[in-house]
Amino acid sequence: MKKTISKEAFEVIKKMQQNELTESFIYTAIAKFAKGDENKKILNRLADEELVHYEIWKKYTGIEMKPEKLKVFKYKMLARIFGFTFAVKLMENGEEGAQDKYEILSKEVEEAEKIKTEEAEHEQTLLSILDEERLQYVGSMVLGLNDALVELTGSLAGFTFAMQNTNLIALSGLIIGISATFSMASSEFLSAKSEGRSDAMKSCTYTGIAYLITVVLLIAPYMIFPSSQYLPALVCMIVVVLLIIAGFTYYTSVAQDQPFKSRFIEMAGISITVAVISFVVGILAKHFLGVDI
């Protein structure tokens, strides 16, 4: 039976009803391919709770709704690519503004306070105990990413003025990058082994993959620009560095509830500082050593 409410409250409830139904379908869809029985259980439980909220709101609107298929598809793809923890936390972060809407409803809808509590506390508690394998190796990925960014950014910046040829810079960077990838991965393997960890191979794999992807992305501008356009390639490489840092920092800030701004500034500051110092070293080396390539 539809209950009488104000027009303003009705519009708020209608939007929230739609969100609850869509999110229920998203949780159910992700639970089907999420690894781990406990993770599936948590996701299905969240789906059931969202469906209960949908039914409560339906009492006030009297409208039968269908889930937003495009939104369900979006989060399914995000979950497959970046992991289900990232996808569901990103979805919940996007609904934080909905908490303010409960203030509008509290005077007219008796269940509003209960739903607000569940949305703000219970769901976040359940999301915090999701256990996804890839997040256990974020530390290894950060190690590979940071090392590649600092080492290769510095090397490429130094090579840029010393060689002044994008082909030579790309070749030198590729040789250094591949060698460093195996070096970093093997160091992570030995370190994990020495600590008695059984996941040494997985840990070194995540480190190596993060390092290698970074190498390819940083060298790409030098492979795209003509041989004489080494300065535009350098600028493009710095932009790529900032985008990588921003992307990975955003991922960890969402998936692991870490601050974005401070971590981004820290990583970007280190990489750019090393690049500037290495560029100056390249200029000085070329001048004092009298090397002309």
Protein backbone atom coordinates (compact mmCIF):
# COMPACT_ATOMS: atom_id res chain seq x y z
CA MET A 1 0.00 0.00 0.00
CA LYS A 2 1.40 3.40 -1.03
CA LYS A 3 1.92 5.86 1.85
CA THR A 4 1.24 9.59 1.62
CA ILE A 5 4.38 11.78 1.51
CA SER A 6 5.41 15.19 0.19
CA LYS A 7 6.42 15.70 -3.44
CA GLU A 8 10.03 16.46 -2.47
CA ALA A 9 10.32 13.30 -0.39
CA PHE A 10 8.68 11.27 -3.17
CA GLU A 11 11.32 12.34 -5.73
CA VAL A 12 14.16 11.52 -3.31
CA ILE A 13 12.68 8.12 -2.49
CA LYS A 14 12.16 7.29 -6.16
CA LYS A 15 15.85 7.89 -6.91
CA MET A 16 16.96 5.92 -3.88
CA GLN A 17 14.62 3.08 -4.77
CA GLN A 18 16.19 2.90 -8.23
CA ASN A 19 19.71 2.91 -6.78
CA GLU A 20 18.93 0.17 -4.26
CA LEU A 21 17.56 -2.13 -6.95
CA THR A 22 20.44 -1.49 -9.34
CA GLU A 23 23.06 -2.01 -6.64
CA SER A 24 21.39 -5.25 -5.59
CA PHE A 25 21.78 -6.54 -9.15
CA ILE A 26 25.39 -5.33 -9.25
CA TYR A 27 26.30 -7.19 -6.06
CA THR A 28 24.60 -10.34 -7.34
CA ALA A 29 26.36 -10.13 -10.71
CA ILE A 30 29.79 -9.61 -9.15
CA ALA A 31 29.23 -12.40 -6.60
CA LYS A 32 28.88 -14.88 -9.47
CA PHE A 33 32.54 -14.51 -10.52
CA ALA A 34 34.16 -13.28 -7.28
CA LYS A 35 36.69 -15.75 -5.88
CA GLY A 36 36.27 -17.14 -2.38
CA ASP A 37 33.14 -18.51 -0.73
CA GLU A 38 33.24 -15.88 2.03
CA ASN A 39 33.45 -13.06 -0.51
CA LYS A 40 30.48 -14.50 -2.43
CA LYS A 41 28.53 -14.78 0.82
CA ILE A 42 29.21 -11.13 1.74
CA LEU A 43 28.31 -9.83 -1.71
CA ASN A 44 25.08 -11.84 -1.84
CA ARG A 45 24.20 -10.62 1.65
CA LEU A 46 24.70 -7.02 0.52
CA ALA A 47 22.53 -7.73 -2.52
CA ASP A 48 19.74 -9.06 -0.30
CA GLU A 49 19.91 -6.01 1.98
CA GLU A 50 19.71 -3.63 -0.97
CA LEU A 51 16.66 -5.53 -2.22
CA VAL A 52 15.00 -5.19 1.20
CA HIS A 53 15.63 -1.42 1.06
CA TYR A 54 14.13 -1.34 -2.43
CA GLU A 55 10.95 -3.02 -1.18
CA ILE A 56 10.67 -0.51 1.68
CA TRP A 57 10.92 2.44 -0.69
CA LYS A 58 8.43 0.81 -3.04
CA LYS A 59 5.79 1.04 -0.30
CA TYR A 60 6.03 4.82 -0.59
CA THR A 61 6.24 5.18 -4.38
CA GLY A 62 4.05 2.28 -5.47
CA ILE A 63 6.32 1.93 -8.52
CA GLU A 64 7.78 -1.35 -9.78
CA MET A 65 11.22 -0.67 -11.23
CA LYS A 66 13.88 -2.40 -13.30
CA PRO A 67 17.65 -2.17 -12.70
CA GLU A 68 19.77 0.24 -14.76
CA LYS A 69 21.42 -2.22 -17.14
CA LEU A 70 24.18 0.16 -18.24
CA LYS A 71 25.24 0.80 -14.64
CA VAL A 72 25.21 -2.91 -13.86
CA PHE A 73 27.37 -3.59 -16.93
CA LYS A 74 29.76 -0.76 -15.99
CA TYR A 75 30.49 -2.12 -12.52
CA LYS A 76 30.72 -5.70 -13.74
CA MET A 77 33.46 -4.62 -16.18
CA LEU A 78 35.24 -2.60 -13.50
CA ALA A 79 35.12 -5.63 -11.19
CA ARG A 80 36.60 -7.93 -13.83
CA ILE A 81 39.37 -5.50 -14.78
CA PHE A 82 40.30 -3.89 -11.46
CA GLY A 83 38.86 -6.37 -8.96
CA PHE A 84 35.55 -6.60 -7.16
CA THR A 85 36.78 -4.76 -4.05
CA PHE A 86 37.60 -1.67 -6.11
CA ALA A 87 34.31 -1.83 -8.00
CA VAL A 88 31.98 -2.15 -5.02
CA LYS A 89 33.85 0.45 -2.94
CA LEU A 90 33.81 2.86 -5.85
CA MET A 91 30.07 2.30 -6.17
CA GLU A 92 29.49 2.93 -2.46
CA ASN A 93 31.72 6.03 -2.50
CA GLY A 94 29.59 7.37 -5.32
CA GLU A 95 26.53 7.07 -3.08
CA GLU A 96 28.01 9.02 -0.13
CA GLY A 97 25.97 12.09 -1.07
CA ALA A 98 22.82 10.04 -0.51
CA GLN A 99 23.37 10.27 3.25
CA ASP A 100 22.26 13.92 3.15
CA LYS A 101 18.98 12.91 1.54
CA TYR A 102 17.98 10.97 4.63
CA GLU A 103 17.63 14.27 6.48
CA ILE A 104 14.81 15.17 4.08
CA LEU A 105 13.08 11.84 4.66
CA SER A 106 13.52 11.43 8.41
CA LYS A 107 10.39 13.43 9.28
CA GLU A 108 8.14 11.58 6.83
CA VAL A 109 9.54 8.06 6.56
CA GLU A 110 9.87 6.04 9.75
CA GLU A 111 12.29 3.51 8.21
CA ALA A 112 14.67 6.20 6.91
CA GLU A 113 16.90 6.26 10.01
CA LYS A 114 17.26 2.48 10.05
CA ILE A 115 18.22 2.33 6.37
CA LYS A 116 20.66 5.23 6.86
CA THR A 117 22.39 3.34 9.67
CA GLU A 118 22.70 0.18 7.60
CA GLU A 119 24.00 2.07 4.58
CA ALA A 120 26.54 4.08 6.59
CA GLU A 121 27.79 1.42 8.99
CA HIS A 122 26.74 -2.13 8.23
CA GLU A 123 27.60 -2.13 4.53
CA GLN A 124 30.95 -0.44 5.12
CA THR A 125 31.77 -3.04 7.78
CA LEU A 126 30.97 -5.87 5.38
CA LEU A 127 32.96 -4.24 2.56
CA SER A 128 35.98 -3.89 4.85
CA ILE A 129 36.23 -7.65 5.33
CA LEU A 130 36.22 -8.52 1.63
CA ASP A 131 39.41 -10.48 0.97
CA GLU A 132 40.72 -10.21 -2.58
CA GLU A 133 44.04 -11.78 -3.54
CA ARG A 134 45.31 -8.95 -5.73
CA LEU A 135 44.96 -6.47 -2.86
CA GLN A 136 47.28 -8.62 -0.76
CA TYR A 137 50.01 -7.83 -3.27
CA VAL A 138 49.45 -4.10 -3.61
CA GLY A 139 52.66 -3.63 -1.62
CA SER A 140 54.56 -5.62 -4.25
CA MET A 141 52.96 -3.61 -7.06
CA VAL A 142 53.81 -0.34 -5.31
CA LEU A 143 57.40 -1.52 -4.96
CA GLY A 144 57.66 -2.32 -8.67
CA LEU A 145 55.83 0.83 -9.71
CA ASN A 146 57.81 3.20 -7.50
CA ASP A 147 61.15 1.71 -8.44
CA ALA A 148 60.36 1.79 -12.17
CA LEU A 149 59.06 5.35 -12.02
CA VAL A 150 62.04 6.70 -10.10
CA GLU A 151 64.76 4.72 -11.84
CA LEU A 152 63.48 4.90 -15.41
CA THR A 153 62.21 8.47 -15.22
CA GLY A 154 65.67 9.53 -14.09
CA SER A 155 67.45 7.42 -16.70
CA LEU A 156 65.28 8.62 -19.60
CA ALA A 157 65.56 12.25 -18.52
CA GLY A 158 69.35 11.93 -18.35
CA PHE A 159 69.53 10.16 -21.71
CA THR A 160 67.29 12.79 -23.31
CA PHE A 161 69.87 15.55 -23.32
CA ALA A 162 72.93 13.31 -23.42
CA MET A 163 71.80 11.47 -26.58
CA GLN A 164 69.27 13.87 -28.15
CA ASN A 165 67.83 11.09 -30.28
CA THR A 166 64.54 9.39 -29.43
CA ASN A 167 65.57 6.09 -31.07
CA LEU A 168 68.75 5.83 -29.01
CA ILE A 169 66.93 6.91 -25.85
CA ALA A 170 64.19 4.31 -26.39
CA LEU A 171 66.75 1.57 -27.06
CA SER A 172 68.79 2.44 -23.98
CA GLY A 173 65.67 2.73 -21.84
CA LEU A 174 64.33 -0.61 -23.06
CA ILE A 175 67.58 -2.42 -22.27
CA ILE A 176 67.78 -0.87 -18.81
CA GLY A 177 64.06 -1.40 -18.18
CA ILE A 178 63.97 -5.10 -19.07
CA SER A 179 67.14 -5.82 -17.10
CA ALA A 180 65.79 -3.92 -14.11
CA THR A 181 62.46 -5.77 -14.33
CA PHE A 182 64.15 -9.15 -13.88
CA SER A 183 66.44 -7.71 -11.20
CA MET A 184 63.56 -6.25 -9.21
CA ALA A 185 61.38 -9.37 -9.56
CA SER A 186 64.21 -11.69 -8.50
CA SER A 187 65.04 -9.43 -5.53
CA GLU A 188 61.41 -9.54 -4.40
CA PHE A 189 61.41 -13.35 -4.79
CA LEU A 190 64.56 -13.76 -2.69
CA SER A 191 63.28 -11.31 -0.09
CA ALA A 192 59.97 -13.16 0.26
CA LYS A 193 61.79 -16.51 0.42
CA SER A 194 64.12 -15.28 3.15
CA GLU A 195 61.06 -14.26 5.18
CA GLY A 196 59.71 -17.80 4.85
CA ARG A 197 56.70 -16.75 2.79
CA SER A 198 55.02 -19.35 0.62
CA ASP A 199 53.78 -16.76 -1.88
CA ALA A 200 57.23 -15.65 -3.05
CA MET A 201 56.50 -16.46 -6.70
CA LYS A 202 53.20 -14.55 -6.75
CA SER A 203 54.78 -11.61 -4.98
CA CYS A 204 57.66 -11.35 -7.46
CA THR A 205 55.24 -11.78 -10.37
CA TYR A 206 53.12 -8.81 -9.28
CA THR A 207 56.28 -6.74 -8.76
CA GLY A 208 57.68 -7.69 -12.18
CA ILE A 209 54.42 -7.06 -14.04
CA ALA A 210 54.00 -3.61 -12.44
CA TYR A 211 57.59 -2.74 -13.31
CA LEU A 212 57.38 -4.00 -16.91
CA ILE A 213 54.10 -2.18 -17.66
CA THR A 214 55.63 1.03 -16.32
CA VAL A 215 58.73 0.54 -18.49
CA VAL A 216 56.65 0.13 -21.65
CA LEU A 217 54.48 3.18 -20.92
CA LEU A 218 57.45 5.44 -20.15
CA ILE A 219 59.42 4.42 -23.24
CA ALA A 220 56.40 4.70 -25.57
CA PRO A 221 56.72 8.50 -26.18
CA TYR A 222 60.30 8.05 -27.39
CA MET A 223 59.15 5.36 -29.81
CA ILE A 224 56.33 7.55 -31.16
CA PHE A 225 58.08 10.88 -31.68
CA PRO A 226 60.59 11.41 -34.55
CA SER A 227 64.27 11.04 -33.64
CA SER A 228 64.85 14.81 -33.40
CA GLN A 229 61.81 15.48 -31.18
CA TYR A 230 63.47 14.38 -27.94
CA LEU A 231 62.21 17.31 -25.84
CA PRO A 232 58.50 16.81 -26.73
CA ALA A 233 59.04 13.11 -25.98
CA LEU A 234 60.48 14.03 -22.56
CA VAL A 235 57.49 16.25 -21.77
CA CYS A 236 55.11 13.50 -22.88
CA MET A 237 56.98 11.00 -20.72
CA ILE A 238 56.59 13.24 -17.65
CA VAL A 239 52.85 13.52 -18.37
CA VAL A 240 52.66 9.72 -18.59
CA VAL A 241 54.46 9.46 -15.24
CA LEU A 242 51.93 11.76 -13.59
CA LEU A 243 49.01 9.86 -15.13
CA ILE A 244 50.40 6.52 -13.92
CA ILE A 245 50.88 7.88 -10.41
CA ALA A 246 47.40 9.45 -10.40
CA GLY A 247 45.76 6.27 -11.69
CA PHE A 248 47.46 3.89 -9.29
CA THR A 249 47.06 6.23 -6.32
CA TYR A 250 43.35 6.57 -7.09
CA TYR A 251 43.02 2.78 -7.29
CA THR A 252 44.67 2.23 -3.90
CA SER A 253 42.78 5.15 -2.32
CA VAL A 254 39.47 3.52 -3.28
CA ALA A 255 40.34 -0.15 -2.77
CA GLN A 256 42.29 0.33 0.46
CA ASP A 257 40.64 3.48 1.83
CA GLN A 258 43.88 5.48 1.71
CA PRO A 259 44.28 9.25 1.23
CA PHE A 260 44.74 10.26 -2.40
CA LYS A 261 46.21 13.76 -2.33
CA SER A 262 49.14 13.19 0.05
CA ARG A 263 50.22 9.94 -1.61
CA PHE A 264 49.98 11.45 -5.10
CA ILE A 265 52.03 14.51 -4.14
CA GLU A 266 54.66 12.32 -2.47
CA MET A 267 55.10 9.93 -5.41
CA ALA A 268 54.92 12.66 -8.06
CA GLY A 269 57.36 14.86 -6.15
CA ILE A 270 59.96 12.10 -5.91
CA SER A 271 59.70 11.10 -9.58
CA ILE A 272 59.80 14.65 -10.94
CA THR A 273 62.70 15.63 -8.66
CA VAL A 274 64.75 12.65 -9.82
CA ALA A 275 63.92 13.45 -13.46
CA VAL A 276 65.09 17.07 -13.08
CA ILE A 277 68.32 16.05 -11.34
CA SER A 278 69.05 13.39 -13.98
CA PHE A 279 68.33 15.83 -16.80
CA VAL A 280 70.86 18.27 -15.33
CA VAL A 281 73.38 15.41 -14.93
CA GLY A 282 72.87 14.56 -18.60
CA ILE A 283 73.59 18.16 -19.61
CA LEU A 284 76.72 18.31 -17.45
CA ALA A 285 77.99 14.91 -18.60
CA LYS A 286 77.61 15.85 -22.25
CA HIS A 287 79.40 19.17 -21.68
CA PHE A 288 82.33 18.04 -19.53
CA LEU A 289 82.92 14.65 -21.15
CA GLY A 290 82.65 16.15 -24.62
CA VAL A 291 80.56 13.21 -25.84
CA ASP A 292 78.67 13.91 -29.06
CA ILE A 293 76.25 11.20 -30.20
